[in-house]
Amino acid sequence: MEIARIDEKGRLLIPKKLRREAGVQEGGFVRLTVRGNCIIIEPVKPAEQFFEAFKVKEWPEDLDKFVIMVMRDW
């Protein structure tokens, strides 16, 4: 178990050991879910892996914005 501090802007520094174990990388996305009084942080696979399940002929021009939009609507 690790203990971390939330700063004045609400940011949380996840220790390197935990990031490695969970497969969270710099610039990656995580899904945040509240269950009771717990915040669950789960890594989200890169967009390329997510979209491999679909036969896409043409990728959106700005893939990052597209992924964020899809995640909000999900």
N, C-alpha and C. Protein backbone atom coordinates (compact mmCIF):
# COMPACT_ATOMS: atom_id res chain seq x y z
N MET A 1 0.85 -1.17 0.00
CA MET A 1 0.00 0.00 0.00
C MET A 1 0.90 1.24 0.00
N GLU A 2 0.48 2.24 -0.73
CA GLU A 2 1.19 3.52 -0.79
C GLU A 2 0.24 4.62 -0.33
N ILE A 3 0.79 5.68 0.21
CA ILE A 3 0.00 6.85 0.58
C ILE A 3 0.51 8.03 -0.22
N ALA A 4 -0.40 8.79 -0.80
CA ALA A 4 -0.03 9.95 -1.61
C ALA A 4 -0.82 11.15 -1.13
N ARG A 5 -0.33 12.32 -1.48
CA ARG A 5 -0.97 13.58 -1.07
C ARG A 5 -1.62 14.23 -2.28
N ILE A 6 -2.78 14.81 -2.07
CA ILE A 6 -3.47 15.59 -3.10
C ILE A 6 -3.02 17.04 -2.93
N ASP A 7 -2.57 17.68 -4.02
CA ASP A 7 -2.13 19.07 -3.88
C ASP A 7 -3.32 20.03 -3.97
N GLU A 8 -3.03 21.34 -3.86
CA GLU A 8 -4.10 22.35 -3.81
C GLU A 8 -4.92 22.42 -5.09
N LYS A 9 -4.40 21.89 -6.19
CA LYS A 9 -5.15 21.88 -7.45
C LYS A 9 -5.85 20.54 -7.69
N GLY A 10 -5.80 19.65 -6.71
CA GLY A 10 -6.48 18.37 -6.83
C GLY A 10 -5.65 17.30 -7.53
N ARG A 11 -4.39 17.59 -7.79
CA ARG A 11 -3.53 16.63 -8.49
C ARG A 11 -3.00 15.58 -7.52
N LEU A 12 -2.84 14.38 -8.04
CA LEU A 12 -2.35 13.25 -7.27
C LEU A 12 -1.12 12.70 -7.97
N LEU A 13 -0.03 12.54 -7.25
CA LEU A 13 1.18 11.94 -7.82
C LEU A 13 1.14 10.46 -7.50
N ILE A 14 1.05 9.64 -8.54
CA ILE A 14 1.02 8.19 -8.36
C ILE A 14 2.47 7.71 -8.34
N PRO A 15 2.89 7.02 -7.28
CA PRO A 15 4.27 6.55 -7.20
C PRO A 15 4.66 5.69 -8.42
N LYS A 16 5.92 5.84 -8.83
CA LYS A 16 6.44 5.16 -10.02
C LYS A 16 6.21 3.65 -9.97
N LYS A 17 6.43 3.05 -8.82
CA LYS A 17 6.23 1.60 -8.66
C LYS A 17 4.80 1.20 -9.02
N LEU A 18 3.82 1.95 -8.53
CA LEU A 18 2.42 1.63 -8.82
C LEU A 18 2.08 1.87 -10.29
N ARG A 19 2.64 2.96 -10.87
CA ARG A 19 2.39 3.22 -12.30
C ARG A 19 2.90 2.07 -13.14
N ARG A 20 4.10 1.58 -12.81
CA ARG A 20 4.67 0.44 -13.56
C ARG A 20 3.79 -0.79 -13.41
N GLU A 21 3.40 -1.11 -12.18
CA GLU A 21 2.58 -2.30 -11.93
C GLU A 21 1.25 -2.24 -12.67
N ALA A 22 0.66 -1.05 -12.76
CA ALA A 22 -0.65 -0.90 -13.41
C ALA A 22 -0.54 -0.66 -14.91
N GLY A 23 0.67 -0.43 -15.41
CA GLY A 23 0.83 -0.17 -16.84
C GLY A 23 0.42 1.23 -17.25
N VAL A 24 0.49 2.18 -16.31
CA VAL A 24 0.13 3.56 -16.62
C VAL A 24 1.39 4.28 -17.07
N GLN A 25 1.31 4.95 -18.24
CA GLN A 25 2.48 5.62 -18.79
C GLN A 25 2.22 7.12 -18.91
N GLU A 26 3.32 7.88 -18.93
CA GLU A 26 3.22 9.33 -19.09
C GLU A 26 2.44 9.66 -20.36
N GLY A 27 1.49 10.57 -20.25
CA GLY A 27 0.68 10.96 -21.39
C GLY A 27 -0.50 10.03 -21.64
N GLY A 28 -0.58 8.94 -20.89
CA GLY A 28 -1.68 7.99 -21.06
C GLY A 28 -2.95 8.50 -20.38
N PHE A 29 -4.01 7.77 -20.60
CA PHE A 29 -5.30 8.13 -20.02
C PHE A 29 -5.68 7.12 -18.94
N VAL A 30 -6.41 7.59 -17.94
CA VAL A 30 -6.96 6.71 -16.91
C VAL A 30 -8.45 6.99 -16.78
N ARG A 31 -9.18 5.99 -16.37
CA ARG A 31 -10.62 6.13 -16.12
C ARG A 31 -10.79 6.28 -14.61
N LEU A 32 -11.56 7.27 -14.20
CA LEU A 32 -11.81 7.51 -12.78
C LEU A 32 -13.26 7.16 -12.47
N THR A 33 -13.45 6.33 -11.46
CA THR A 33 -14.78 5.90 -11.07
C THR A 33 -14.90 6.02 -9.55
N VAL A 34 -16.05 6.48 -9.08
CA VAL A 34 -16.28 6.56 -7.64
C VAL A 34 -17.17 5.39 -7.24
N ARG A 35 -16.71 4.62 -6.25
CA ARG A 35 -17.50 3.52 -5.69
C ARG A 35 -17.53 3.73 -4.18
N GLY A 36 -18.68 4.12 -3.69
CA GLY A 36 -18.78 4.45 -2.27
C GLY A 36 -17.91 5.65 -1.98
N ASN A 37 -16.97 5.49 -1.05
CA ASN A 37 -16.06 6.60 -0.75
C ASN A 37 -14.67 6.36 -1.33
N CYS A 38 -14.59 5.50 -2.36
CA CYS A 38 -13.31 5.17 -3.00
C CYS A 38 -13.27 5.72 -4.43
N ILE A 39 -12.10 6.18 -4.84
CA ILE A 39 -11.88 6.59 -6.22
C ILE A 39 -11.05 5.49 -6.88
N ILE A 40 -11.60 4.87 -7.91
CA ILE A 40 -10.92 3.80 -8.63
C ILE A 40 -10.23 4.41 -9.85
N ILE A 41 -8.95 4.15 -10.02
CA ILE A 41 -8.18 4.66 -11.15
C ILE A 41 -7.76 3.46 -11.99
N GLU A 42 -8.23 3.41 -13.25
CA GLU A 42 -7.90 2.29 -14.14
C GLU A 42 -7.26 2.82 -15.41
N PRO A 43 -6.17 2.20 -15.86
CA PRO A 43 -5.56 2.64 -17.11
C PRO A 43 -6.49 2.37 -18.29
N VAL A 44 -6.48 3.29 -19.24
CA VAL A 44 -7.24 3.13 -20.48
C VAL A 44 -6.23 2.81 -21.56
N LYS A 45 -6.51 1.80 -22.35
CA LYS A 45 -5.58 1.40 -23.41
C LYS A 45 -5.41 2.52 -24.42
N PRO A 46 -4.24 2.59 -25.05
CA PRO A 46 -4.04 3.60 -26.10
C PRO A 46 -5.11 3.47 -27.19
N ALA A 47 -5.41 4.58 -27.81
CA ALA A 47 -6.46 4.62 -28.83
C ALA A 47 -6.22 3.60 -29.93
N GLU A 48 -4.97 3.41 -30.31
CA GLU A 48 -4.68 2.46 -31.38
C GLU A 48 -5.16 1.06 -31.01
N GLN A 49 -4.93 0.63 -29.76
CA GLN A 49 -5.38 -0.69 -29.33
C GLN A 49 -6.90 -0.74 -29.27
N PHE A 50 -7.52 0.35 -28.79
CA PHE A 50 -8.97 0.40 -28.67
C PHE A 50 -9.63 0.24 -30.03
N PHE A 51 -9.10 0.92 -31.03
CA PHE A 51 -9.72 0.91 -32.35
C PHE A 51 -9.34 -0.29 -33.20
N GLU A 52 -8.40 -1.13 -32.75
CA GLU A 52 -8.07 -2.33 -33.51
C GLU A 52 -9.27 -3.25 -33.66
N ALA A 53 -10.20 -3.15 -32.72
CA ALA A 53 -11.39 -3.99 -32.77
C ALA A 53 -12.31 -3.62 -33.93
N PHE A 54 -12.12 -2.44 -34.49
CA PHE A 54 -12.95 -1.97 -35.59
C PHE A 54 -12.13 -1.87 -36.86
N LYS A 55 -12.77 -2.09 -37.98
CA LYS A 55 -12.10 -1.93 -39.27
C LYS A 55 -12.28 -0.48 -39.70
N VAL A 56 -11.32 0.34 -39.39
CA VAL A 56 -11.41 1.76 -39.69
C VAL A 56 -10.63 2.06 -40.96
N LYS A 57 -11.32 2.63 -41.94
CA LYS A 57 -10.66 2.98 -43.20
C LYS A 57 -9.94 4.31 -43.10
N GLU A 58 -10.50 5.23 -42.30
CA GLU A 58 -9.91 6.55 -42.18
C GLU A 58 -9.97 7.00 -40.73
N TRP A 59 -8.82 7.38 -40.17
CA TRP A 59 -8.76 7.84 -38.79
C TRP A 59 -9.17 9.30 -38.70
N PRO A 60 -9.77 9.70 -37.57
CA PRO A 60 -10.09 11.11 -37.37
C PRO A 60 -8.81 11.95 -37.44
N GLU A 61 -8.95 13.19 -37.85
CA GLU A 61 -7.79 14.07 -37.99
C GLU A 61 -7.07 14.28 -36.65
N ASP A 62 -7.82 14.54 -35.59
CA ASP A 62 -7.23 14.71 -34.26
C ASP A 62 -7.72 13.56 -33.38
N LEU A 63 -6.96 12.49 -33.34
CA LEU A 63 -7.37 11.27 -32.66
C LEU A 63 -7.56 11.48 -31.16
N ASP A 64 -6.68 12.27 -30.53
CA ASP A 64 -6.81 12.51 -29.09
C ASP A 64 -8.14 13.17 -28.74
N LYS A 65 -8.52 14.20 -29.49
CA LYS A 65 -9.80 14.88 -29.24
C LYS A 65 -10.97 13.92 -29.46
N PHE A 66 -10.86 13.09 -30.50
CA PHE A 66 -11.91 12.13 -30.80
C PHE A 66 -12.08 11.13 -29.65
N VAL A 67 -10.96 10.61 -29.13
CA VAL A 67 -11.01 9.64 -28.04
C VAL A 67 -11.63 10.27 -26.80
N ILE A 68 -11.25 11.51 -26.49
CA ILE A 68 -11.82 12.19 -25.33
C ILE A 68 -13.32 12.37 -25.50
N MET A 69 -13.76 12.73 -26.70
CA MET A 69 -15.19 12.90 -26.98
C MET A 69 -15.93 11.57 -26.80
N VAL A 70 -15.36 10.48 -27.32
CA VAL A 70 -16.00 9.16 -27.20
C VAL A 70 -16.07 8.75 -25.73
N MET A 71 -14.99 8.99 -24.98
CA MET A 71 -14.98 8.60 -23.56
C MET A 71 -16.02 9.39 -22.76
N ARG A 72 -16.22 10.66 -23.09
CA ARG A 72 -17.23 11.47 -22.39
C ARG A 72 -18.63 10.93 -22.65
N ASP A 73 -18.89 10.51 -23.88
CA ASP A 73 -20.22 10.02 -24.25
C ASP A 73 -20.46 8.59 -23.80
N TRP A 74 -19.42 7.88 -23.45
CA TRP A 74 -19.50 6.46 -23.10
C TRP A 74 -20.17 6.31 -21.81
